[in-house]
C-alpha atoms as a PDB file:
ATOM      1  CA  UNK A   1      97.728  75.071 115.301  1.00  0.00           C
ATOM      2  CA  UNK A   2      94.882  72.995 113.919  1.00  0.00           C
ATOM      3  CA  UNK A   3      95.495  69.389 112.962  1.00  0.00           C
ATOM      4  CA  UNK A   4      98.911  69.019 114.607  1.00  0.00           C
ATOM      5  CA  UNK A   5      99.183  65.243 114.043  1.00  0.00           C
ATOM      6  CA  UNK A   6      98.461  65.568 110.336  1.00  0.00           C
ATOM      7  CA  UNK A   7     100.950  68.419 110.037  1.00  0.00           C
ATOM      8  CA  UNK A   8     103.694  66.382 111.670  1.00  0.00           C
ATOM      9  CA  UNK A   9     103.074  63.527 109.230  1.00  0.00           C
ATOM     10  CA  UNK A  10     103.160  65.916 106.282  1.00  0.00           C
ATOM     11  CA  UNK A  11     106.478  67.406 107.431  1.00  0.00           C
ATOM     12  CA  UNK A  12     108.105  64.042 106.916  1.00  0.00           C
ATOM     13  CA  UNK A  13     106.652  63.701 103.412  1.00  0.00           C
ATOM     14  CA  UNK A  14     106.836  67.257 102.026  1.00  0.00           C
ATOM     15  CA  UNK A  15     109.736  69.610 102.824  1.00  0.00           C
ATOM     16  CA  UNK A  16     107.527  72.713 102.534  1.00  0.00           C
ATOM     17  CA  UNK A  17     105.806  71.805 105.792  1.00  0.00           C
ATOM     18  CA  UNK A  18     109.111  71.760 107.634  1.00  0.00           C
ATOM     19  CA  UNK A  19     109.926  75.161 106.115  1.00  0.00           C
ATOM     20  CA  UNK A  20     106.576  76.542 107.306  1.00  0.00           C
ATOM     21  CA  UNK A  21     107.187  75.211 110.823  1.00  0.00           C
ATOM     22  CA  UNK A  22     110.610  76.907 110.988  1.00  0.00           C
ATOM     23  CA  UNK A  23     109.240  80.132 109.515  1.00  0.00           C
ATOM     24  CA  UNK A  24     106.368  80.297 112.020  1.00  0.00           C
ATOM     25  CA  UNK A  25     108.810  79.911 114.889  1.00  0.00           C
ATOM     26  CA  UNK A  26     111.012  82.735 113.554  1.00  0.00           C
ATOM     27  CA  UNK A  27     108.048  84.974 112.818  1.00  0.00           C
ATOM     28  CA  UNK A  28     106.750  84.469 116.346  1.00  0.00           C
ATOM     29  CA  UNK A  29     110.202  85.039 117.855  1.00  0.00           C
ATOM     30  CA  UNK A  30     110.662  88.297 115.931  1.00  0.00           C
ATOM     31  CA  UNK A  31     107.019  89.344 116.420  1.00  0.00           C
ATOM     32  CA  UNK A  32     106.850  90.166 112.722  1.00  0.00           C
ATOM     33  CA  UNK A  33     104.415  93.008 112.070  1.00  0.00           C
ATOM     34  CA  UNK A  34     101.851  92.297 109.386  1.00  0.00           C
ATOM     35  CA  UNK A  35     101.872  88.511 109.804  1.00  0.00           C
ATOM     36  CA  UNK A  36      98.276  87.275 110.003  1.00  0.00           C
ATOM     37  CA  UNK A  37      98.755  83.502 110.086  1.00  0.00           C
ATOM     38  CA  UNK A  38      98.421  80.516 107.811  1.00  0.00           C
ATOM     39  CA  UNK A  39      95.449  80.071 105.521  1.00  0.00           C
ATOM     40  CA  UNK A  40      94.369  76.972 107.464  1.00  0.00           C
ATOM     41  CA  UNK A  41      94.077  79.141 110.596  1.00  0.00           C
ATOM     42  CA  UNK A  42      91.191  81.013 108.956  1.00  0.00           C
ATOM     43  CA  UNK A  43      89.252  77.949 107.798  1.00  0.00           C
ATOM     44  CA  UNK A  44      86.823  75.733 109.644  1.00  0.00           C
ATOM     45  CA  UNK A  45      85.726  72.339 108.443  1.00  0.00           C
ATOM     46  CA  UNK A  46      84.629  68.988 109.788  1.00  0.00           C
ATOM     47  CA  UNK A  47      87.655  67.073 111.091  1.00  0.00           C
ATOM     48  CA  UNK A  48      86.183  63.875 109.592  1.00  0.00           C
ATOM     49  CA  UNK A  49      87.021  65.146 106.119  1.00  0.00           C
ATOM     50  CA  UNK A  50      90.407  66.735 106.936  1.00  0.00           C
ATOM     51  CA  UNK A  51      92.335  64.051 105.051  1.00  0.00           C
ATOM     52  CA  UNK A  52      90.253  64.674 101.924  1.00  0.00           C
ATOM     53  CA  UNK A  53      90.884  68.399 102.209  1.00  0.00           C
ATOM     54  CA  UNK A  54      94.617  67.741 102.643  1.00  0.00           C
ATOM     55  CA  UNK A  55      94.635  65.694  99.446  1.00  0.00           C
ATOM     56  CA  UNK A  56      92.725  68.322  97.494  1.00  0.00           C
ATOM     57  CA  UNK A  57      94.484  71.441  98.730  1.00  0.00           C
ATOM     58  CA  UNK A  58      97.906  70.017  99.654  1.00  0.00           C
ATOM     59  CA  UNK A  59     100.355  72.704 100.757  1.00  0.00           C
ATOM     60  CA  UNK A  60      98.016  75.557  99.746  1.00  0.00           C
ATOM     61  CA  UNK A  61      96.380  75.275 103.178  1.00  0.00           C
ATOM     62  CA  UNK A  62      99.708  76.306 104.667  1.00  0.00           C
ATOM     63  CA  UNK A  63     100.058  79.471 102.606  1.00  0.00           C
ATOM     64  CA  UNK A  64     101.216  82.468 104.610  1.00  0.00           C
ATOM     65  CA  UNK A  65      98.799  85.379 104.951  1.00  0.00           C
ATOM     66  CA  UNK A  66     100.314  88.813 105.577  1.00  0.00           C
ATOM     67  CA  UNK A  67      98.995  92.358 105.681  1.00  0.00           C
ATOM     68  CA  UNK A  68     101.095  93.894 102.894  1.00  0.00           C
ATOM     69  CA  UNK A  69     104.117  93.575 100.591  1.00  0.00           C
ATOM     70  CA  UNK A  70     106.521  94.764 103.293  1.00  0.00           C
ATOM     71  CA  UNK A  71     105.509  91.889 105.552  1.00  0.00           C
ATOM     72  CA  UNK A  72     105.813  89.497 102.585  1.00  0.00           C
ATOM     73  CA  UNK A  73     109.370  90.728 101.945  1.00  0.00           C
ATOM     74  CA  UNK A  74     110.256  90.162 105.584  1.00  0.00           C
ATOM     75  CA  UNK A  75     108.914  86.607 105.430  1.00  0.00           C
ATOM     76  CA  UNK A  76     110.957  85.980 102.271  1.00  0.00           C
ATOM     77  CA  UNK A  77     114.070  87.305 104.016  1.00  0.00           C
ATOM     78  CA  UNK A  78     113.498  84.921 106.930  1.00  0.00           C
ATOM     79  CA  UNK A  79     112.932  82.073 104.479  1.00  0.00           C
ATOM     80  CA  UNK A  80     116.310  82.810 102.874  1.00  0.00           C
ATOM     81  CA  UNK A  81     117.969  82.803 106.293  1.00  0.00           C
ATOM     82  CA  UNK A  82     116.720  79.303 107.037  1.00  0.00           C
ATOM     83  CA  UNK A  83     117.356  78.170 103.447  1.00  0.00           C
ATOM     84  CA  UNK A  84     113.712  77.176 103.234  1.00  0.00           C
ATOM     85  CA  UNK A  85     111.852  75.923 100.234  1.00  0.00           C
ATOM     86  CA  UNK A  86     109.199  77.581  98.105  1.00  0.00           C
ATOM     87  CA  UNK A  87     106.335  79.081 100.119  1.00  0.00           C
ATOM     88  CA  UNK A  88     103.091  80.755  99.083  1.00  0.00           C
ATOM     89  CA  UNK A  89     102.525  84.220 100.537  1.00  0.00           C
ATOM     90  CA  UNK A  90      99.301  86.181 100.134  1.00  0.00           C
ATOM     91  CA  UNK A  91      99.414  89.901 101.008  1.00  0.00           C
ATOM     92  CA  UNK A  92      95.890  91.042 101.884  1.00  0.00           C
ATOM     93  CA  UNK A  93      96.605  94.537 100.562  1.00  0.00           C
ATOM     94  CA  UNK A  94      96.853  93.124  97.023  1.00  0.00           C
ATOM     95  CA  UNK A  95      93.642  91.140  97.246  1.00  0.00           C
ATOM     96  CA  UNK A  96      91.404  94.183  97.676  1.00  0.00           C
END
């Protein structure tokens, strides 16, 4: 995952980051079909300005990208299991 040190710091400040970390582990463990990654995984930017981007985008960078609504439902089910907080999920099928 990009920017591991920054992510670890954010986990201590914002609970959503801890939720995302737990969700990613479960998603990987269950090999969830339709999971594409986190939004930040698809972005490239100069590491010198990463803190500015973090301030501007906050938790939106850690939105979950999935293929379709079925995958989104599965992520929500896993989030309930871990009693996670609010997460942003973007199904690609709805964006077209």
